[in-house]
Amino acid sequence: MSSSKTTILDVRPLLAKGEEPYAAIRARVDRLEAGAGFTLIAPFLPAPLIERLRGEGFSARVQQRDERTWVVDFLRE
């Protein structure tokens, strides 16, 4: 999913500081228009988030880069 409408949100620094990343993710999601998306980078598979956003009409493509890096491309249908 590479598009000029796609942005990257890396939550690893937030998690490393002990911060909950959901507010940052939700803010990003709420700004997206139909056909736009974002790429989430996390240190684990964010399965509950994937299921929640699929329920809100997003598609998700998951890749595991290494044992500590998961990349999920979300697209608002």
PDB file of N, CA and C in Angstrom:
ATOM      1  N   MET A   1       0.851  -1.167   0.000  1.00  0.00           N
ATOM      2  CA  MET A   1       0.000   0.000   0.000  1.00  0.00           C
ATOM      3  C   MET A   1       0.892   1.223   0.000  1.00  0.00           C
ATOM      4  N   SER A   2       1.300   1.673  -1.119  1.00  0.00           N
ATOM      5  CA  SER A   2       2.052   2.922  -1.115  1.00  0.00           C
ATOM      6  C   SER A   2       1.253   3.931  -1.897  1.00  0.00           C
ATOM      7  N   SER A   3       0.887   4.970  -1.223  1.00  0.00           N
ATOM      8  CA  SER A   3       0.040   6.004  -1.797  1.00  0.00           C
ATOM      9  C   SER A   3       0.381   7.307  -1.116  1.00  0.00           C
ATOM     10  N   SER A   4       0.130   8.398  -1.819  1.00  0.00           N
ATOM     11  CA  SER A   4       0.373   9.691  -1.202  1.00  0.00           C
ATOM     12  C   SER A   4      -0.628   9.941  -0.081  1.00  0.00           C
ATOM     13  N   LYS A   5      -1.689   9.126  -0.026  1.00  0.00           N
ATOM     14  CA  LYS A   5      -2.684   9.267   1.027  1.00  0.00           C
ATOM     15  C   LYS A   5      -2.353   8.400   2.243  1.00  0.00           C
ATOM     16  N   THR A   6      -1.219   7.733   2.243  1.00  0.00           N
ATOM     17  CA  THR A   6      -0.844   6.849   3.334  1.00  0.00           C
ATOM     18  C   THR A   6       0.270   7.494   4.161  1.00  0.00           C
ATOM     19  N   THR A   7       0.116   7.447   5.475  1.00  0.00           N
ATOM     20  CA  THR A   7       1.144   7.953   6.377  1.00  0.00           C
ATOM     21  C   THR A   7       1.614   6.820   7.277  1.00  0.00           C
ATOM     22  N   ILE A   8       2.724   7.049   7.947  1.00  0.00           N
ATOM     23  CA  ILE A   8       3.308   6.035   8.825  1.00  0.00           C
ATOM     24  C   ILE A   8       3.188   6.486  10.271  1.00  0.00           C
ATOM     25  N   LEU A   9       2.746   5.566  11.123  1.00  0.00           N
ATOM     26  CA  LEU A   9       2.688   5.807  12.560  1.00  0.00           C
ATOM     27  C   LEU A   9       3.468   4.699  13.243  1.00  0.00           C
ATOM     28  N   ASP A  10       4.625   5.042  13.780  1.00  0.00           N
ATOM     29  CA  ASP A  10       5.480   4.090  14.484  1.00  0.00           C
ATOM     30  C   ASP A  10       5.222   4.257  15.975  1.00  0.00           C
ATOM     31  N   VAL A  11       4.575   3.273  16.591  1.00  0.00           N
ATOM     32  CA  VAL A  11       4.220   3.384  18.012  1.00  0.00           C
ATOM     33  C   VAL A  11       5.303   2.831  18.941  1.00  0.00           C
ATOM     34  N   ARG A  12       6.378   2.317  18.391  1.00  0.00           N
ATOM     35  CA  ARG A  12       7.435   1.761  19.242  1.00  0.00           C
ATOM     36  C   ARG A  12       8.022   2.777  20.214  1.00  0.00           C
ATOM     37  N   PRO A  13       8.285   4.028  19.795  1.00  0.00           N
ATOM     38  CA  PRO A  13       8.813   5.004  20.763  1.00  0.00           C
ATOM     39  C   PRO A  13       7.827   5.302  21.900  1.00  0.00           C
ATOM     40  N   LEU A  14       6.536   5.368  21.593  1.00  0.00           N
ATOM     41  CA  LEU A  14       5.538   5.603  22.638  1.00  0.00           C
ATOM     42  C   LEU A  14       5.528   4.456  23.644  1.00  0.00           C
ATOM     43  N   LEU A  15       5.523   3.238  23.133  1.00  0.00           N
ATOM     44  CA  LEU A  15       5.526   2.071  24.008  1.00  0.00           C
ATOM     45  C   LEU A  15       6.800   1.993  24.839  1.00  0.00           C
ATOM     46  N   ALA A  16       7.927   2.357  24.253  1.00  0.00           N
ATOM     47  CA  ALA A  16       9.206   2.334  24.974  1.00  0.00           C
ATOM     48  C   ALA A  16       9.195   3.302  26.161  1.00  0.00           C
ATOM     49  N   LYS A  17       8.402   4.388  26.030  1.00  0.00           N
ATOM     50  CA  LYS A  17       8.281   5.352  27.123  1.00  0.00           C
ATOM     51  C   LYS A  17       7.177   4.974  28.105  1.00  0.00           C
ATOM     52  N   GLY A  18       6.542   3.834  27.869  1.00  0.00           N
ATOM     53  CA  GLY A  18       5.472   3.393  28.747  1.00  0.00           C
ATOM     54  C   GLY A  18       4.133   4.051  28.464  1.00  0.00           C
ATOM     55  N   GLU A  19       3.998   4.686  27.315  1.00  0.00           N
ATOM     56  CA  GLU A  19       2.756   5.366  26.956  1.00  0.00           C
ATOM     57  C   GLU A  19       1.836   4.438  26.170  1.00  0.00           C
ATOM     58  N   GLU A  20       0.557   4.627  26.360  1.00  0.00           N
ATOM     59  CA  GLU A  20      -0.455   3.885  25.624  1.00  0.00           C
ATOM     60  C   GLU A  20      -0.641   4.553  24.254  1.00  0.00           C
ATOM     61  N   PRO A  21      -0.464   3.840  23.146  1.00  0.00           N
ATOM     62  CA  PRO A  21      -0.527   4.471  21.823  1.00  0.00           C
ATOM     63  C   PRO A  21      -1.929   4.604  21.232  1.00  0.00           C
ATOM     64  N   TYR A  22      -2.962   4.094  21.902  1.00  0.00           N
ATOM     65  CA  TYR A  22      -4.278   4.076  21.279  1.00  0.00           C
ATOM     66  C   TYR A  22      -4.787   5.468  20.918  1.00  0.00           C
ATOM     67  N   ALA A  23      -4.557   6.468  21.759  1.00  0.00           N
ATOM     68  CA  ALA A  23      -5.042   7.822  21.458  1.00  0.00           C
ATOM     69  C   ALA A  23      -4.413   8.349  20.157  1.00  0.00           C
ATOM     70  N   ALA A  24      -3.128   8.099  19.963  1.00  0.00           N
ATOM     71  CA  ALA A  24      -2.453   8.548  18.735  1.00  0.00           C
ATOM     72  C   ALA A  24      -3.002   7.796  17.519  1.00  0.00           C
ATOM     73  N   ILE A  25      -3.247   6.510  17.697  1.00  0.00           N
ATOM     74  CA  ILE A  25      -3.795   5.709  16.606  1.00  0.00           C
ATOM     75  C   ILE A  25      -5.206   6.192  16.267  1.00  0.00           C
ATOM     76  N   ARG A  26      -6.021   6.382  17.308  1.00  0.00           N
ATOM     77  CA  ARG A  26      -7.406   6.818  17.089  1.00  0.00           C
ATOM     78  C   ARG A  26      -7.459   8.177  16.397  1.00  0.00           C
ATOM     79  N   ALA A  27      -6.582   9.091  16.786  1.00  0.00           N
ATOM     80  CA  ALA A  27      -6.538  10.413  16.151  1.00  0.00           C
ATOM     81  C   ALA A  27      -6.216  10.276  14.669  1.00  0.00           C
ATOM     82  N   ARG A  28      -5.296   9.391  14.343  1.00  0.00           N
ATOM     83  CA  ARG A  28      -4.927   9.168  12.946  1.00  0.00           C
ATOM     84  C   ARG A  28      -6.109   8.568  12.176  1.00  0.00           C
ATOM     85  N   VAL A  29      -6.750   7.567  12.765  1.00  0.00           N
ATOM     86  CA  VAL A  29      -7.874   6.897  12.126  1.00  0.00           C
ATOM     87  C   VAL A  29      -9.028   7.864  11.869  1.00  0.00           C
ATOM     88  N   ASP A  30      -9.321   8.688  12.848  1.00  0.00           N
ATOM     89  CA  ASP A  30     -10.470   9.592  12.731  1.00  0.00           C
ATOM     90  C   ASP A  30     -10.292  10.657  11.650  1.00  0.00           C
ATOM     91  N   ARG A  31      -9.049  10.934  11.255  1.00  0.00           N
ATOM     92  CA  ARG A  31      -8.789  11.931  10.201  1.00  0.00           C
ATOM     93  C   ARG A  31      -8.835  11.353   8.795  1.00  0.00           C
ATOM     94  N   LEU A  32      -8.889  10.049   8.680  1.00  0.00           N
ATOM     95  CA  LEU A  32      -8.814   9.412   7.365  1.00  0.00           C
ATOM     96  C   LEU A  32     -10.124   9.494   6.595  1.00  0.00           C
ATOM     97  N   GLU A  33     -10.001   9.802   5.327  1.00  0.00           N
ATOM     98  CA  GLU A  33     -11.142   9.799   4.415  1.00  0.00           C
ATOM     99  C   GLU A  33     -11.200   8.443   3.722  1.00  0.00           C
ATOM    100  N   ALA A  34     -12.303   8.172   3.049  1.00  0.00           N
ATOM    101  CA  ALA A  34     -12.435   6.929   2.282  1.00  0.00           C
ATOM    102  C   ALA A  34     -11.301   6.852   1.269  1.00  0.00           C
ATOM    103  N   GLY A  35     -10.702   5.679   1.154  1.00  0.00           N
ATOM    104  CA  GLY A  35      -9.611   5.476   0.214  1.00  0.00           C
ATOM    105  C   GLY A  35      -8.245   5.843   0.764  1.00  0.00           C
ATOM    106  N   ALA A  36      -8.200   6.415   1.974  1.00  0.00           N
ATOM    107  CA  ALA A  36      -6.923   6.778   2.595  1.00  0.00           C
ATOM    108  C   ALA A  36      -6.538   5.704   3.611  1.00  0.00           C
ATOM    109  N   GLY A  37      -5.281   5.692   3.964  1.00  0.00           N
ATOM    110  CA  GLY A  37      -4.825   4.692   4.912  1.00  0.00           C
ATOM    111  C   GLY A  37      -3.619   5.157   5.687  1.00  0.00           C
ATOM    112  N   PHE A  38      -3.142   4.265   6.547  1.00  0.00           N
ATOM    113  CA  PHE A  38      -1.916   4.539   7.282  1.00  0.00           C
ATOM    114  C   PHE A  38      -1.211   3.226   7.555  1.00  0.00           C
ATOM    115  N   THR A  39       0.070   3.322   7.780  1.00  0.00           N
ATOM    116  CA  THR A  39       0.890   2.170   8.110  1.00  0.00           C
ATOM    117  C   THR A  39       1.277   2.268   9.570  1.00  0.00           C
ATOM    118  N   LEU A  40       0.985   1.226  10.315  1.00  0.00           N
ATOM    119  CA  LEU A  40       1.320   1.152  11.731  1.00  0.00           C
ATOM    120  C   LEU A  40       2.534   0.248  11.903  1.00  0.00           C
ATOM    121  N   ILE A  41       3.515   0.712  12.662  1.00  0.00           N
ATOM    122  CA  ILE A  41       4.679  -0.100  12.988  1.00  0.00           C
ATOM    123  C   ILE A  41       4.646  -0.333  14.493  1.00  0.00           C
ATOM    124  N   ALA A  42       4.694  -1.603  14.899  1.00  0.00           N
ATOM    125  CA  ALA A  42       4.584  -1.963  16.310  1.00  0.00           C
ATOM    126  C   ALA A  42       5.555  -3.101  16.634  1.00  0.00           C
ATOM    127  N   PRO A  43       5.878  -3.272  17.924  1.00  0.00           N
ATOM    128  CA  PRO A  43       6.792  -4.343  18.308  1.00  0.00           C
ATOM    129  C   PRO A  43       6.087  -5.700  18.504  1.00  0.00           C
ATOM    130  N   PHE A  44       4.805  -5.748  18.234  1.00  0.00           N
ATOM    131  CA  PHE A  44       4.025  -6.978  18.375  1.00  0.00           C
ATOM    132  C   PHE A  44       2.848  -6.905  17.402  1.00  0.00           C
ATOM    133  N   LEU A  45       2.213  -8.030  17.164  1.00  0.00           N
ATOM    134  CA  LEU A  45       1.045  -8.061  16.295  1.00  0.00           C
ATOM    135  C   LEU A  45      -0.132  -7.419  17.034  1.00  0.00           C
ATOM    136  N   PRO A  46      -0.655  -6.305  16.528  1.00  0.00           N
ATOM    137  CA  PRO A  46      -1.757  -5.629  17.210  1.00  0.00           C
ATOM    138  C   PRO A  46      -3.120  -6.227  16.823  1.00  0.00           C
ATOM    139  N   ALA A  47      -3.320  -7.496  17.145  1.00  0.00           N
ATOM    140  CA  ALA A  47      -4.518  -8.219  16.715  1.00  0.00           C
ATOM    141  C   ALA A  47      -5.829  -7.552  17.145  1.00  0.00           C
ATOM    142  N   PRO A  48      -5.973  -7.102  18.399  1.00  0.00           N
ATOM    143  CA  PRO A  48      -7.243  -6.450  18.763  1.00  0.00           C
ATOM    144  C   PRO A  48      -7.522  -5.186  17.937  1.00  0.00           C
ATOM    145  N   LEU A  49      -6.488  -4.416  17.651  1.00  0.00           N
ATOM    146  CA  LEU A  49      -6.651  -3.211  16.839  1.00  0.00           C
ATOM    147  C   LEU A  49      -7.064  -3.577  15.415  1.00  0.00           C
ATOM    148  N   ILE A  50      -6.447  -4.594  14.864  1.00  0.00           N
ATOM    149  CA  ILE A  50      -6.786  -5.033  13.511  1.00  0.00           C
ATOM    150  C   ILE A  50      -8.265  -5.415  13.454  1.00  0.00           C
ATOM    151  N   GLU A  51      -8.716  -6.196  14.409  1.00  0.00           N
ATOM    152  CA  GLU A  51     -10.120  -6.619  14.432  1.00  0.00           C
ATOM    153  C   GLU A  51     -11.053  -5.427  14.607  1.00  0.00           C
ATOM    154  N   ARG A  52     -10.700  -4.510  15.486  1.00  0.00           N
ATOM    155  CA  ARG A  52     -11.540  -3.326  15.714  1.00  0.00           C
ATOM    156  C   ARG A  52     -11.674  -2.505  14.429  1.00  0.00           C
ATOM    157  N   LEU A  53     -10.535  -2.241  13.773  1.00  0.00           N
ATOM    158  CA  LEU A  53     -10.581  -1.416  12.568  1.00  0.00           C
ATOM    159  C   LEU A  53     -11.245  -2.137  11.406  1.00  0.00           C
ATOM    160  N   ARG A  54     -11.103  -3.441  11.324  1.00  0.00           N
ATOM    161  CA  ARG A  54     -11.839  -4.187  10.296  1.00  0.00           C
ATOM    162  C   ARG A  54     -13.345  -4.017  10.514  1.00  0.00           C
ATOM    163  N   GLY A  55     -13.757  -3.998  11.778  1.00  0.00           N
ATOM    164  CA  GLY A  55     -15.160  -3.778  12.097  1.00  0.00           C
ATOM    165  C   GLY A  55     -15.637  -2.385  11.729  1.00  0.00           C
ATOM    166  N   GLU A  56     -14.704  -1.456  11.575  1.00  0.00           N
ATOM    167  CA  GLU A  56     -15.032  -0.088  11.185  1.00  0.00           C
ATOM    168  C   GLU A  56     -14.858   0.143   9.681  1.00  0.00           C
ATOM    169  N   GLY A  57     -14.632  -0.933   8.931  1.00  0.00           N
ATOM    170  CA  GLY A  57     -14.556  -0.818   7.483  1.00  0.00           C
ATOM    171  C   GLY A  57     -13.165  -0.674   6.904  1.00  0.00           C
ATOM    172  N   PHE A  58     -12.150  -1.012   7.671  1.00  0.00           N
ATOM    173  CA  PHE A  58     -10.774  -0.961   7.171  1.00  0.00           C
ATOM    174  C   PHE A  58     -10.341  -2.344   6.707  1.00  0.00           C
ATOM    175  N   SER A  59      -9.486  -2.362   5.707  1.00  0.00           N
ATOM    176  CA  SER A  59      -8.781  -3.591   5.375  1.00  0.00           C
ATOM    177  C   SER A  59      -7.409  -3.493   6.033  1.00  0.00           C
ATOM    178  N   ALA A  60      -6.793  -4.638   6.268  1.00  0.00           N
ATOM    179  CA  ALA A  60      -5.482  -4.655   6.914  1.00  0.00           C
ATOM    180  C   ALA A  60      -4.595  -5.679   6.232  1.00  0.00           C
ATOM    181  N   ARG A  61      -3.357  -5.271   5.974  1.00  0.00           N
ATOM    182  CA  ARG A  61      -2.348  -6.176   5.429  1.00  0.00           C
ATOM    183  C   ARG A  61      -1.210  -6.222   6.436  1.00  0.00           C
ATOM    184  N   VAL A  62      -0.868  -7.404   6.886  1.00  0.00           N
ATOM    185  CA  VAL A  62       0.104  -7.587   7.974  1.00  0.00           C
ATOM    186  C   VAL A  62       1.397  -8.187   7.448  1.00  0.00           C
ATOM    187  N   GLN A  63       2.519  -7.629   7.907  1.00  0.00           N
ATOM    188  CA  GLN A  63       3.841  -8.185   7.599  1.00  0.00           C
ATOM    189  C   GLN A  63       4.649  -8.215   8.884  1.00  0.00           C
ATOM    190  N   GLN A  64       5.387  -9.282   9.083  1.00  0.00           N
ATOM    191  CA  GLN A  64       6.320  -9.345  10.207  1.00  0.00           C
ATOM    192  C   GLN A  64       7.717  -9.169   9.628  1.00  0.00           C
ATOM    193  N   ARG A  65       8.359  -8.042   9.965  1.00  0.00           N
ATOM    194  CA  ARG A  65       9.705  -7.762   9.434  1.00  0.00           C
ATOM    195  C   ARG A  65      10.770  -8.575  10.149  1.00  0.00           C
ATOM    196  N   ASP A  66      10.637  -8.672  11.455  1.00  0.00           N
ATOM    197  CA  ASP A  66      11.532  -9.492  12.267  1.00  0.00           C
ATOM    198  C   ASP A  66      10.775  -9.826  13.543  1.00  0.00           C
ATOM    199  N   GLU A  67      11.425 -10.459  14.505  1.00  0.00           N
ATOM    200  CA  GLU A  67      10.684 -10.906  15.693  1.00  0.00           C
ATOM    201  C   GLU A  67      10.165  -9.760  16.560  1.00  0.00           C
ATOM    202  N   ARG A  68      10.636  -8.540  16.346  1.00  0.00           N
ATOM    203  CA  ARG A  68      10.180  -7.394  17.138  1.00  0.00           C
ATOM    204  C   ARG A  68       9.564  -6.271  16.310  1.00  0.00           C
ATOM    205  N   THR A  69       9.282  -6.533  15.044  1.00  0.00           N
ATOM    206  CA  THR A  69       8.731  -5.471  14.196  1.00  0.00           C
ATOM    207  C   THR A  69       7.603  -6.006  13.328  1.00  0.00           C
ATOM    208  N   TRP A  70       6.424  -5.484  13.581  1.00  0.00           N
ATOM    209  CA  TRP A  70       5.243  -5.806  12.793  1.00  0.00           C
ATOM    210  C   TRP A  70       4.799  -4.548  12.064  1.00  0.00           C
ATOM    211  N   VAL A  71       4.419  -4.707  10.815  1.00  0.00           N
ATOM    212  CA  VAL A  71       3.964  -3.587   9.994  1.00  0.00           C
ATOM    213  C   VAL A  71       2.555  -3.937   9.501  1.00  0.00           C
ATOM    214  N   VAL A  72       1.616  -3.047   9.784  1.00  0.00           N
ATOM    215  CA  VAL A  72       0.237  -3.275   9.348  1.00  0.00           C
ATOM    216  C   VAL A  72      -0.203  -2.073   8.510  1.00  0.00           C
ATOM    217  N   ASP A  73      -0.596  -2.356   7.285  1.00  0.00           N
ATOM    218  CA  ASP A  73      -1.140  -1.334   6.401  1.00  0.00           C
ATOM    219  C   ASP A  73      -2.652  -1.364   6.523  1.00  0.00           C
ATOM    220  N   PHE A  74      -3.218  -0.251   6.955  1.00  0.00           N
ATOM    221  CA  PHE A  74      -4.667  -0.125   7.072  1.00  0.00           C
ATOM    222  C   PHE A  74      -5.168   0.784   5.950  1.00  0.00           C
ATOM    223  N   LEU A  75      -6.293   0.423   5.365  1.00  0.00           N
ATOM    224  CA  LEU A  75      -6.903   1.231   4.316  1.00  0.00           C
ATOM    225  C   LEU A  75      -8.386   1.364   4.618  1.00  0.00           C
ATOM    226  N   ARG A  76      -8.864   2.613   4.654  1.00  0.00           N
ATOM    227  CA  ARG A  76     -10.299   2.841   4.855  1.00  0.00           C
ATOM    228  C   ARG A  76     -10.983   2.600   3.520  1.00  0.00           C
ATOM    229  N   GLU A  77     -11.882   1.640   3.514  1.00  0.00           N
ATOM    230  CA  GLU A  77     -12.603   1.287   2.273  1.00  0.00           C
ATOM    231  C   GLU A  77     -13.586   2.374   1.903  1.00  0.00           C
TER     232      GLU A  77
END
